[in-house]
Amino acid sequence: MAAKRKISVKLAGKEFPMTISQVDEEKYRRAAQDINALITRYKTRFVAEPEDYLAMAALQIAVDKVSLEMDREMTPEMEAIEALNREIDLYLNRPQR
């Protein structure tokens, strides 16, 4: 079991204390930095309420996550190519008679 650690991250100027697995600390800190960077970018583009900046940052991060998931999915064409590659490998690596 991984050791737990109490940390505090600041998002949009507000501190959020939490207890996380010690091995995940870097992930949380980098995620907070990314969110704060997005918020800063949105603040330079338009004037809105603080929760609107957070909502836009959340949406952007969710879109990025979905894009990564979709990129990892194999299309039927890619699956067919992989099957052909396996068949070619089997043919080329079969014992010679």
PDB file of N, CA and C in Angstrom:
ATOM      1  N   MET A   1       0.844  -1.175   0.000  1.00  0.00           N
ATOM      2  CA  MET A   1       0.000   0.000   0.000  1.00  0.00           C
ATOM      3  C   MET A   1       0.889   1.238   0.000  1.00  0.00           C
ATOM      4  N   ALA A   2       0.566   2.175  -0.882  1.00  0.00           N
ATOM      5  CA  ALA A   2       1.362   3.398  -1.000  1.00  0.00           C
ATOM      6  C   ALA A   2       1.097   4.315   0.191  1.00  0.00           C
ATOM      7  N   ALA A   3       2.146   5.006   0.599  1.00  0.00           N
ATOM      8  CA  ALA A   3       2.036   5.945   1.718  1.00  0.00           C
ATOM      9  C   ALA A   3       1.151   7.121   1.314  1.00  0.00           C
ATOM     10  N   LYS A   4       0.374   7.606   2.265  1.00  0.00           N
ATOM     11  CA  LYS A   4      -0.495   8.756   2.033  1.00  0.00           C
ATOM     12  C   LYS A   4       0.240  10.030   2.417  1.00  0.00           C
ATOM     13  N   ARG A   5      -0.152  11.114   1.786  1.00  0.00           N
ATOM     14  CA  ARG A   5       0.496  12.389   2.039  1.00  0.00           C
ATOM     15  C   ARG A   5      -0.551  13.491   1.984  1.00  0.00           C
ATOM     16  N   LYS A   6      -0.448  14.439   2.904  1.00  0.00           N
ATOM     17  CA  LYS A   6      -1.335  15.593   2.891  1.00  0.00           C
ATOM     18  C   LYS A   6      -0.663  16.703   2.101  1.00  0.00           C
ATOM     19  N   ILE A   7      -1.385  17.188   1.102  1.00  0.00           N
ATOM     20  CA  ILE A   7      -0.865  18.296   0.300  1.00  0.00           C
ATOM     21  C   ILE A   7      -1.958  19.348   0.175  1.00  0.00           C
ATOM     22  N   SER A   8      -1.579  20.470  -0.370  1.00  0.00           N
ATOM     23  CA  SER A   8      -2.525  21.536  -0.667  1.00  0.00           C
ATOM     24  C   SER A   8      -2.178  22.069  -2.044  1.00  0.00           C
ATOM     25  N   VAL A   9      -3.176  22.137  -2.900  1.00  0.00           N
ATOM     26  CA  VAL A   9      -2.966  22.729  -4.224  1.00  0.00           C
ATOM     27  C   VAL A   9      -3.850  23.955  -4.353  1.00  0.00           C
ATOM     28  N   LYS A  10      -3.365  24.916  -5.104  1.00  0.00           N
ATOM     29  CA  LYS A  10      -4.112  26.157  -5.310  1.00  0.00           C
ATOM     30  C   LYS A  10      -4.672  26.156  -6.722  1.00  0.00           C
ATOM     31  N   LEU A  11      -5.996  26.298  -6.805  1.00  0.00           N
ATOM     32  CA  LEU A  11      -6.672  26.383  -8.085  1.00  0.00           C
ATOM     33  C   LEU A  11      -7.462  27.682  -8.120  1.00  0.00           C
ATOM     34  N   ALA A  12      -7.190  28.492  -9.097  1.00  0.00           N
ATOM     35  CA  ALA A  12      -7.880  29.774  -9.258  1.00  0.00           C
ATOM     36  C   ALA A  12      -7.809  30.605  -7.985  1.00  0.00           C
ATOM     37  N   GLY A  13      -6.673  30.543  -7.307  1.00  0.00           N
ATOM     38  CA  GLY A  13      -6.460  31.353  -6.121  1.00  0.00           C
ATOM     39  C   GLY A  13      -7.010  30.764  -4.831  1.00  0.00           C
ATOM     40  N   LYS A  14      -7.604  29.600  -4.878  1.00  0.00           N
ATOM     41  CA  LYS A  14      -8.168  28.981  -3.681  1.00  0.00           C
ATOM     42  C   LYS A  14      -7.387  27.712  -3.344  1.00  0.00           C
ATOM     43  N   GLU A  15      -7.057  27.563  -2.062  1.00  0.00           N
ATOM     44  CA  GLU A  15      -6.311  26.390  -1.592  1.00  0.00           C
ATOM     45  C   GLU A  15      -7.257  25.210  -1.393  1.00  0.00           C
ATOM     46  N   PHE A  16      -6.808  24.048  -1.832  1.00  0.00           N
ATOM     47  CA  PHE A  16      -7.566  22.821  -1.663  1.00  0.00           C
ATOM     48  C   PHE A  16      -6.680  21.786  -0.973  1.00  0.00           C
ATOM     49  N   PRO A  17      -6.901  21.570   0.335  1.00  0.00           N
ATOM     50  CA  PRO A  17      -6.131  20.531   1.029  1.00  0.00           C
ATOM     51  C   PRO A  17      -6.693  19.153   0.680  1.00  0.00           C
ATOM     52  N   MET A  18      -5.823  18.186   0.583  1.00  0.00           N
ATOM     53  CA  MET A  18      -6.258  16.819   0.276  1.00  0.00           C
ATOM     54  C   MET A  18      -5.223  15.819   0.748  1.00  0.00           C
ATOM     55  N   THR A  19      -5.670  14.600   0.911  1.00  0.00           N
ATOM     56  CA  THR A  19      -4.783  13.494   1.248  1.00  0.00           C
ATOM     57  C   THR A  19      -4.747  12.569   0.040  1.00  0.00           C
ATOM     58  N   ILE A  20      -3.543  12.335  -0.469  1.00  0.00           N
ATOM     59  CA  ILE A  20      -3.373  11.538  -1.681  1.00  0.00           C
ATOM     60  C   ILE A  20      -2.271  10.510  -1.466  1.00  0.00           C
ATOM     61  N   SER A  21      -2.185   9.583  -2.388  1.00  0.00           N
ATOM     62  CA  SER A  21      -1.075   8.641  -2.390  1.00  0.00           C
ATOM     63  C   SER A  21       0.203   9.407  -2.705  1.00  0.00           C
ATOM     64  N   GLN A  22       1.247   9.132  -1.986  1.00  0.00           N
ATOM     65  CA  GLN A  22       2.507   9.859  -2.160  1.00  0.00           C
ATOM     66  C   GLN A  22       3.020   9.760  -3.591  1.00  0.00           C
ATOM     67  N   VAL A  23       2.813   8.623  -4.233  1.00  0.00           N
ATOM     68  CA  VAL A  23       3.306   8.458  -5.605  1.00  0.00           C
ATOM     69  C   VAL A  23       2.537   9.325  -6.600  1.00  0.00           C
ATOM     70  N   ASP A  24       1.367   9.822  -6.212  1.00  0.00           N
ATOM     71  CA  ASP A  24       0.552  10.650  -7.109  1.00  0.00           C
ATOM     72  C   ASP A  24       0.776  12.151  -6.926  1.00  0.00           C
ATOM     73  N   GLU A  25       1.614  12.537  -5.991  1.00  0.00           N
ATOM     74  CA  GLU A  25       1.778  13.954  -5.690  1.00  0.00           C
ATOM     75  C   GLU A  25       2.169  14.763  -6.921  1.00  0.00           C
ATOM     76  N   GLU A  26       3.130  14.304  -7.673  1.00  0.00           N
ATOM     77  CA  GLU A  26       3.581  15.037  -8.861  1.00  0.00           C
ATOM     78  C   GLU A  26       2.434  15.217  -9.854  1.00  0.00           C
ATOM     79  N   LYS A  27       1.599  14.199 -10.014  1.00  0.00           N
ATOM     80  CA  LYS A  27       0.453  14.294 -10.932  1.00  0.00           C
ATOM     81  C   LYS A  27      -0.488  15.413 -10.502  1.00  0.00           C
ATOM     82  N   TYR A  28      -0.797  15.457  -9.213  1.00  0.00           N
ATOM     83  CA  TYR A  28      -1.711  16.481  -8.711  1.00  0.00           C
ATOM     84  C   TYR A  28      -1.120  17.878  -8.872  1.00  0.00           C
ATOM     85  N   ARG A  29       0.136  18.018  -8.572  1.00  0.00           N
ATOM     86  CA  ARG A  29       0.768  19.334  -8.676  1.00  0.00           C
ATOM     87  C   ARG A  29       0.843  19.808 -10.128  1.00  0.00           C
ATOM     88  N   ARG A  30       1.193  18.899 -11.031  1.00  0.00           N
ATOM     89  CA  ARG A  30       1.247  19.274 -12.447  1.00  0.00           C
ATOM     90  C   ARG A  30      -0.136  19.570 -12.996  1.00  0.00           C
ATOM     91  N   ALA A  31      -1.133  18.797 -12.564  1.00  0.00           N
ATOM     92  CA  ALA A  31      -2.509  19.049 -13.006  1.00  0.00           C
ATOM     93  C   ALA A  31      -2.966  20.431 -12.540  1.00  0.00           C
ATOM     94  N   ALA A  32      -2.652  20.782 -11.303  1.00  0.00           N
ATOM     95  CA  ALA A  32      -3.017  22.105 -10.786  1.00  0.00           C
ATOM     96  C   ALA A  32      -2.324  23.198 -11.587  1.00  0.00           C
ATOM     97  N   GLN A  33      -1.064  22.995 -11.938  1.00  0.00           N
ATOM     98  CA  GLN A  33      -0.346  23.982 -12.754  1.00  0.00           C
ATOM     99  C   GLN A  33      -1.010  24.142 -14.120  1.00  0.00           C
ATOM    100  N   ASP A  34      -1.389  23.021 -14.725  1.00  0.00           N
ATOM    101  CA  ASP A  34      -2.045  23.072 -16.038  1.00  0.00           C
ATOM    102  C   ASP A  34      -3.376  23.816 -15.963  1.00  0.00           C
ATOM    103  N   ILE A  35      -4.157  23.526 -14.933  1.00  0.00           N
ATOM    104  CA  ILE A  35      -5.449  24.200 -14.775  1.00  0.00           C
ATOM    105  C   ILE A  35      -5.246  25.693 -14.585  1.00  0.00           C
ATOM    106  N   ASN A  36      -4.312  26.065 -13.722  1.00  0.00           N
ATOM    107  CA  ASN A  36      -4.056  27.485 -13.478  1.00  0.00           C
ATOM    108  C   ASN A  36      -3.547  28.189 -14.735  1.00  0.00           C
ATOM    109  N   ALA A  37      -2.763  27.499 -15.540  1.00  0.00           N
ATOM    110  CA  ALA A  37      -2.286  28.086 -16.794  1.00  0.00           C
ATOM    111  C   ALA A  37      -3.454  28.321 -17.757  1.00  0.00           C
ATOM    112  N   LEU A  38      -4.369  27.368 -17.833  1.00  0.00           N
ATOM    113  CA  LEU A  38      -5.549  27.544 -18.686  1.00  0.00           C
ATOM    114  C   LEU A  38      -6.397  28.720 -18.204  1.00  0.00           C
ATOM    115  N   ILE A  39      -6.599  28.801 -16.902  1.00  0.00           N
ATOM    116  CA  ILE A  39      -7.385  29.900 -16.342  1.00  0.00           C
ATOM    117  C   ILE A  39      -6.742  31.237 -16.688  1.00  0.00           C
ATOM    118  N   THR A  40      -5.431  31.321 -16.555  1.00  0.00           N
ATOM    119  CA  THR A  40      -4.724  32.555 -16.895  1.00  0.00           C
ATOM    120  C   THR A  40      -4.924  32.911 -18.362  1.00  0.00           C
ATOM    121  N   ARG A  41      -4.847  31.913 -19.238  1.00  0.00           N
ATOM    122  CA  ARG A  41      -5.076  32.156 -20.670  1.00  0.00           C
ATOM    123  C   ARG A  41      -6.478  32.664 -20.928  1.00  0.00           C
ATOM    124  N   TYR A  42      -7.474  32.037 -20.288  1.00  0.00           N
ATOM    125  CA  TYR A  42      -8.857  32.470 -20.486  1.00  0.00           C
ATOM    126  C   TYR A  42      -9.080  33.882 -19.954  1.00  0.00           C
ATOM    127  N   LYS A  43      -8.425  34.224 -18.855  1.00  0.00           N
ATOM    128  CA  LYS A  43      -8.576  35.574 -18.287  1.00  0.00           C
ATOM    129  C   LYS A  43      -8.054  36.643 -19.241  1.00  0.00           C
ATOM    130  N   THR A  44      -7.049  36.301 -20.049  1.00  0.00           N
ATOM    131  CA  THR A  44      -6.525  37.287 -21.001  1.00  0.00           C
ATOM    132  C   THR A  44      -7.413  37.404 -22.234  1.00  0.00           C
ATOM    133  N   ARG A  45      -8.268  36.419 -22.470  1.00  0.00           N
ATOM    134  CA  ARG A  45      -9.124  36.421 -23.660  1.00  0.00           C
ATOM    135  C   ARG A  45     -10.494  37.041 -23.430  1.00  0.00           C
ATOM    136  N   PHE A  46     -11.076  36.816 -22.246  1.00  0.00           N
ATOM    137  CA  PHE A  46     -12.408  37.348 -21.997  1.00  0.00           C
ATOM    138  C   PHE A  46     -12.636  37.573 -20.506  1.00  0.00           C
ATOM    139  N   VAL A  47     -13.606  38.418 -20.215  1.00  0.00           N
ATOM    140  CA  VAL A  47     -13.950  38.729 -18.834  1.00  0.00           C
ATOM    141  C   VAL A  47     -15.144  37.876 -18.434  1.00  0.00           C
ATOM    142  N   ALA A  48     -15.016  37.164 -17.320  1.00  0.00           N
ATOM    143  CA  ALA A  48     -16.095  36.291 -16.862  1.00  0.00           C
ATOM    144  C   ALA A  48     -15.974  36.102 -15.362  1.00  0.00           C
ATOM    145  N   GLU A  49     -16.903  35.351 -14.821  1.00  0.00           N
ATOM    146  CA  GLU A  49     -16.865  34.998 -13.407  1.00  0.00           C
ATOM    147  C   GLU A  49     -15.803  33.923 -13.189  1.00  0.00           C
ATOM    148  N   PRO A  50     -15.222  33.873 -11.990  1.00  0.00           N
ATOM    149  CA  PRO A  50     -14.186  32.859 -11.720  1.00  0.00           C
ATOM    150  C   PRO A  50     -14.635  31.429 -12.016  1.00  0.00           C
ATOM    151  N   GLU A  51     -15.883  31.110 -11.700  1.00  0.00           N
ATOM    152  CA  GLU A  51     -16.355  29.742 -11.962  1.00  0.00           C
ATOM    153  C   GLU A  51     -16.448  29.455 -13.460  1.00  0.00           C
ATOM    154  N   ASP A  52     -16.636  30.499 -14.271  1.00  0.00           N
ATOM    155  CA  ASP A  52     -16.657  30.303 -15.719  1.00  0.00           C
ATOM    156  C   ASP A  52     -15.276  29.899 -16.231  1.00  0.00           C
ATOM    157  N   TYR A  53     -14.234  30.510 -15.683  1.00  0.00           N
ATOM    158  CA  TYR A  53     -12.874  30.127 -16.071  1.00  0.00           C
ATOM    159  C   TYR A  53     -12.605  28.670 -15.697  1.00  0.00           C
ATOM    160  N   LEU A  54     -13.044  28.301 -14.498  1.00  0.00           N
ATOM    161  CA  LEU A  54     -12.866  26.907 -14.063  1.00  0.00           C
ATOM    162  C   LEU A  54     -13.642  25.950 -14.964  1.00  0.00           C
ATOM    163  N   ALA A  55     -14.857  26.327 -15.326  1.00  0.00           N
ATOM    164  CA  ALA A  55     -15.666  25.474 -16.202  1.00  0.00           C
ATOM    165  C   ALA A  55     -15.003  25.303 -17.563  1.00  0.00           C
ATOM    166  N   MET A  56     -14.484  26.393 -18.118  1.00  0.00           N
ATOM    167  CA  MET A  56     -13.818  26.306 -19.415  1.00  0.00           C
ATOM    168  C   MET A  56     -12.546  25.461 -19.333  1.00  0.00           C
ATOM    169  N   ALA A  57     -11.803  25.606 -18.243  1.00  0.00           N
ATOM    170  CA  ALA A  57     -10.600  24.789 -18.062  1.00  0.00           C
ATOM    171  C   ALA A  57     -10.980  23.316 -17.945  1.00  0.00           C
ATOM    172  N   ALA A  58     -12.044  23.029 -17.190  1.00  0.00           N
ATOM    173  CA  ALA A  58     -12.493  21.640 -17.043  1.00  0.00           C
ATOM    174  C   ALA A  58     -12.918  21.065 -18.387  1.00  0.00           C
ATOM    175  N   LEU A  59     -13.637  21.864 -19.167  1.00  0.00           N
ATOM    176  CA  LEU A  59     -14.069  21.400 -20.487  1.00  0.00           C
ATOM    177  C   LEU A  59     -12.869  21.118 -21.386  1.00  0.00           C
ATOM    178  N   GLN A  60     -11.886  22.012 -21.413  1.00  0.00           N
ATOM    179  CA  GLN A  60     -10.703  21.818 -22.254  1.00  0.00           C
ATOM    180  C   GLN A  60      -9.953  20.548 -21.865  1.00  0.00           C
ATOM    181  N   ILE A  61      -9.801  20.318 -20.570  1.00  0.00           N
ATOM    182  CA  ILE A  61      -9.096  19.125 -20.098  1.00  0.00           C
ATOM    183  C   ILE A  61      -9.883  17.867 -20.440  1.00  0.00           C
ATOM    184  N   ALA A  62     -11.208  17.931 -20.320  1.00  0.00           N
ATOM    185  CA  ALA A  62     -12.034  16.776 -20.668  1.00  0.00           C
ATOM    186  C   ALA A  62     -11.954  16.475 -22.165  1.00  0.00           C
ATOM    187  N   VAL A  63     -11.954  17.511 -22.993  1.00  0.00           N
ATOM    188  CA  VAL A  63     -11.840  17.319 -24.443  1.00  0.00           C
ATOM    189  C   VAL A  63     -10.489  16.684 -24.780  1.00  0.00           C
ATOM    190  N   ASP A  64      -9.429  17.161 -24.143  1.00  0.00           N
ATOM    191  CA  ASP A  64      -8.104  16.574 -24.363  1.00  0.00           C
ATOM    192  C   ASP A  64      -8.082  15.102 -23.981  1.00  0.00           C
ATOM    193  N   LYS A  65      -8.715  14.765 -22.853  1.00  0.00           N
ATOM    194  CA  LYS A  65      -8.769  13.368 -22.386  1.00  0.00           C
ATOM    195  C   LYS A  65      -9.536  12.499 -23.382  1.00  0.00           C
ATOM    196  N   VAL A  66     -10.683  12.975 -23.835  1.00  0.00           N
ATOM    197  CA  VAL A  66     -11.489  12.217 -24.795  1.00  0.00           C
ATOM    198  C   VAL A  66     -10.727  12.049 -26.100  1.00  0.00           C
ATOM    199  N   SER A  67     -10.025  13.080 -26.529  1.00  0.00           N
ATOM    200  CA  SER A  67      -9.232  12.987 -27.759  1.00  0.00           C
ATOM    201  C   SER A  67      -8.175  11.901 -27.641  1.00  0.00           C
ATOM    202  N   LEU A  68      -7.489  11.859 -26.506  1.00  0.00           N
ATOM    203  CA  LEU A  68      -6.486  10.818 -26.292  1.00  0.00           C
ATOM    204  C   LEU A  68      -7.112   9.432 -26.312  1.00  0.00           C
ATOM    205  N   GLU A  69      -8.263   9.291 -25.656  1.00  0.00           N
ATOM    206  CA  GLU A  69      -8.945   7.994 -25.640  1.00  0.00           C
ATOM    207  C   GLU A  69      -9.350   7.577 -27.044  1.00  0.00           C
ATOM    208  N   MET A  70      -9.875   8.518 -27.818  1.00  0.00           N
ATOM    209  CA  MET A  70     -10.313   8.195 -29.175  1.00  0.00           C
ATOM    210  C   MET A  70      -9.129   7.863 -30.074  1.00  0.00           C
ATOM    211  N   ASP A  71      -8.008   8.529 -29.874  1.00  0.00           N
ATOM    212  CA  ASP A  71      -6.817   8.246 -30.675  1.00  0.00           C
ATOM    213  C   ASP A  71      -6.283   6.848 -30.400  1.00  0.00           C
ATOM    214  N   ARG A  72      -6.479   6.371 -29.185  1.00  0.00           N
ATOM    215  CA  ARG A  72      -5.980   5.041 -28.814  1.00  0.00           C
ATOM    216  C   ARG A  72      -6.851   3.919 -29.349  1.00  0.00           C
ATOM    217  N   GLU A  73      -8.107   4.212 -29.631  1.00  0.00           N
ATOM    218  CA  GLU A  73      -9.011   3.177 -30.130  1.00  0.00           C
ATOM    219  C   GLU A  73      -8.598   2.782 -31.540  1.00  0.00           C
ATOM    220  N   MET A  74      -8.641   1.498 -31.788  1.00  0.00           N
ATOM    221  CA  MET A  74      -8.306   1.030 -33.128  1.00  0.00           C
ATOM    222  C   MET A  74      -9.541   1.067 -34.010  1.00  0.00           C
ATOM    223  N   THR A  75      -9.373   1.621 -35.178  1.00  0.00           N
ATOM    224  CA  THR A  75     -10.459   1.620 -36.149  1.00  0.00           C
ATOM    225  C   THR A  75     -10.523   0.229 -36.777  1.00  0.00           C
ATOM    226  N   PRO A  76     -11.638  -0.119 -37.384  1.00  0.00           N
ATOM    227  CA  PRO A  76     -11.719  -1.430 -38.061  1.00  0.00           C
ATOM    228  C   PRO A  76     -10.614  -1.614 -39.097  1.00  0.00           C
ATOM    229  N   GLU A  77     -10.260  -0.533 -39.780  1.00  0.00           N
ATOM    230  CA  GLU A  77      -9.201  -0.634 -40.786  1.00  0.00           C
ATOM    231  C   GLU A  77      -7.857  -0.968 -40.135  1.00  0.00           C
ATOM    232  N   MET A  78      -7.577  -0.322 -38.997  1.00  0.00           N
ATOM    233  CA  MET A  78      -6.323  -0.593 -38.282  1.00  0.00           C
ATOM    234  C   MET A  78      -6.296  -2.033 -37.772  1.00  0.00           C
ATOM    235  N   GLU A  79      -7.441  -2.515 -37.292  1.00  0.00           N
ATOM    236  CA  GLU A  79      -7.511  -3.898 -36.826  1.00  0.00           C
ATOM    237  C   GLU A  79      -7.252  -4.864 -37.969  1.00  0.00           C
ATOM    238  N   ALA A  80      -7.786  -4.565 -39.159  1.00  0.00           N
ATOM    239  CA  ALA A  80      -7.558  -5.423 -40.329  1.00  0.00           C
ATOM    240  C   ALA A  80      -6.088  -5.417 -40.717  1.00  0.00           C
ATOM    241  N   ILE A  81      -5.451  -4.261 -40.654  1.00  0.00           N
ATOM    242  CA  ILE A  81      -4.020  -4.163 -40.974  1.00  0.00           C
ATOM    243  C   ILE A  81      -3.204  -4.966 -39.970  1.00  0.00           C
ATOM    244  N   GLU A  82      -3.549  -4.866 -38.692  1.00  0.00           N
ATOM    245  CA  GLU A  82      -2.840  -5.637 -37.664  1.00  0.00           C
ATOM    246  C   GLU A  82      -3.003  -7.134 -37.910  1.00  0.00           C
ATOM    247  N   ALA A  83      -4.199  -7.571 -38.295  1.00  0.00           N
ATOM    248  CA  ALA A  83      -4.431  -8.993 -38.580  1.00  0.00           C
ATOM    249  C   ALA A  83      -3.581  -9.437 -39.773  1.00  0.00           C
ATOM    250  N   LEU A  84      -3.516  -8.613 -40.808  1.00  0.00           N
ATOM    251  CA  LEU A  84      -2.686  -8.940 -41.970  1.00  0.00           C
ATOM    252  C   LEU A  84      -1.208  -9.005 -41.588  1.00  0.00           C
ATOM    253  N   ASN A  85      -0.756  -8.091 -40.755  1.00  0.00           N
ATOM    254  CA  ASN A  85       0.632  -8.122 -40.295  1.00  0.00           C
ATOM    255  C   ASN A  85       0.933  -9.405 -39.539  1.00  0.00           C
ATOM    256  N   ARG A  86      -0.005  -9.849 -38.714  1.00  0.00           N
ATOM    257  CA  ARG A  86       0.209 -11.100 -37.984  1.00  0.00           C
ATOM    258  C   ARG A  86       0.296 -12.289 -38.946  1.00  0.00           C
ATOM    259  N   GLU A  87      -0.570 -12.297 -39.957  1.00  0.00           N
ATOM    260  CA  GLU A  87      -0.540 -13.381 -40.940  1.00  0.00           C
ATOM    261  C   GLU A  87       0.777 -13.383 -41.715  1.00  0.00           C
ATOM    262  N   ILE A  88       1.242 -12.218 -42.091  1.00  0.00           N
ATOM    263  CA  ILE A  88       2.519 -12.115 -42.816  1.00  0.00           C
ATOM    264  C   ILE A  88       3.663 -12.602 -41.934  1.00  0.00           C
ATOM    265  N   ASP A  89       3.667 -12.192 -40.672  1.00  0.00           N
ATOM    266  CA  ASP A  89       4.709 -12.651 -39.749  1.00  0.00           C
ATOM    267  C   ASP A  89       4.692 -14.166 -39.601  1.00  0.00           C
ATOM    268  N   LEU A  90       3.499 -14.749 -39.467  1.00  0.00           N
ATOM    269  CA  LEU A  90       3.407 -16.207 -39.363  1.00  0.00           C
ATOM    270  C   LEU A  90       3.946 -16.878 -40.620  1.00  0.00           C
ATOM    271  N   TYR A  91       3.606 -16.343 -41.775  1.00  0.00           N
ATOM    272  CA  TYR A  91       4.073 -16.912 -43.034  1.00  0.00           C
ATOM    273  C   TYR A  91       5.591 -16.809 -43.154  1.00  0.00           C
ATOM    274  N   LEU A  92       6.137 -15.646 -42.856  1.00  0.00           N
ATOM    275  CA  LEU A  92       7.575 -15.438 -42.998  1.00  0.00           C
ATOM    276  C   LEU A  92       8.389 -16.203 -41.959  1.00  0.00           C
ATOM    277  N   ASN A  93       7.794 -16.464 -40.821  1.00  0.00           N
ATOM    278  CA  ASN A  93       8.540 -17.128 -39.731  1.00  0.00           C
ATOM    279  C   ASN A  93       8.222 -18.615 -39.623  1.00  0.00           C
ATOM    280  N   ARG A  94       7.489 -19.166 -40.590  1.00  0.00           N
ATOM    281  CA  ARG A  94       7.192 -20.607 -40.519  1.00  0.00           C
ATOM    282  C   ARG A  94       8.458 -21.408 -40.819  1.00  0.00           C
ATOM    283  N   PRO A  95       8.548 -22.577 -40.285  1.00  0.00           N
ATOM    284  CA  PRO A  95       9.747 -23.414 -40.531  1.00  0.00           C
ATOM    285  C   PRO A  95       9.878 -23.749 -42.014  1.00  0.00           C
ATOM    286  N   GLN A  96      11.087 -23.694 -42.501  1.00  0.00           N
ATOM    287  CA  GLN A  96      11.362 -24.042 -43.910  1.00  0.00           C
ATOM    288  C   GLN A  96      11.397 -25.556 -44.058  1.00  0.00           C
ATOM    289  N   ARG A  97      10.895 -26.044 -45.155  1.00  0.00           N
ATOM    290  CA  ARG A  97      10.894 -27.486 -45.406  1.00  0.00           C
ATOM    291  C   ARG A  97      11.972 -27.881 -46.349  1.00  0.00           C
TER     292      ARG A  97
END
